Amino acid sequence: MPLITVLIPVRDRPREVLARTLQSVRESTLADVETVLVDDASAEPVEAPSGVTLLRNERRLGVAGSLNRGLEASDSEFAARLDAGDVMAPHRLAAQLEHMDRLDVCGTALRFHTPEGQALPGRAAPEIDPATMGALLWFHNPVPHPSVLLRRSLLPRAGYPLVDGAEDWALWLEMSRAGARLGLLGEALTSYEVNPESASMSAEAQTSEAQTAARVFAEQGLDRKTAERWSIAVAGQAPLERDLTAAVASRVPSAHRERFLAMCARLEAAQASSPAPDEGRA
């Protein structure tokens, strides 16, 4: 049984782009790693080099469905994520593994590159500890999916939730509520391809961020109206009202609730100090 399985869903990506991604996995400083490539019904079937497990979907399953197929076909202790077009630093997996005594899901900061491989400016990211992450996930998703290493024993039985465009965010919240420890390393160990065809920027998610967030929050047991109100409020499109905060706080694990409420208080204060949309107009 390998220690780590790197899961890569792919659909209709150029061969040279996929080859760059697979090469970065081969260059990992860890030896006990397998790669599972899931072809999500590409128009031109994907070809995999020797040593890479290739699964083909007869019909399109999307990112979540493809990842769940990959999970079912492997039995490693940890699963790592990468999208076709993205590149991991050679020491990424080793660096993340060093933190898995205190974390169950470990993401990293990102660098960026074009489809041609040209480097772009990276995004600064402070390290996020599990206590902060457990509260922060109720406001936005700070964990880049292609950068993750996770402990498979803590995955829900059904695997990734089938929430198009936000399957990762929904999974992080579900795992956090079940007691998993999530964190983010500040070092940029994953380079993300800036391209609308990338798997994690699937065209399946053509709704607004607020609508996507509402689906994620509804997965956590909030009724539809509350989920919609919360997603709009945290996006800054409506005031954060006390009854809404209380309703959402009831779903936040007790270990994270104090920080969650403190974040809500800061957001309320920021909203109160901001002028109303029509304020100040002549």
Foldseek 3Di string as FASTA:
>chain_A
DFQEEEEEEDAADDPVQQVQAVVLVVLAPDDRYAYEYEYQCHPDDDDDDPRHHYHYDPHGDADQRRVLVVVVVDDHQKYAYAYRNKHFHNHLVVVVVVCVVQAFKEFEFEWEAESVGHTDGGDFDAKFWQLLQLQCLLLDDPGPRNRMMGGVVLFPPSGFDPQPLCSPSLRVNVSVLVPGGYIYHRDHRMYYYPDCNIRSNDPVPPDDQLVSQLVSLVSLVDPSVLSSVSSCCSVVNDADDPVSLVSSLVSRDPSRSVVNVVVSVVSNVVNVPDDDPCPPDD
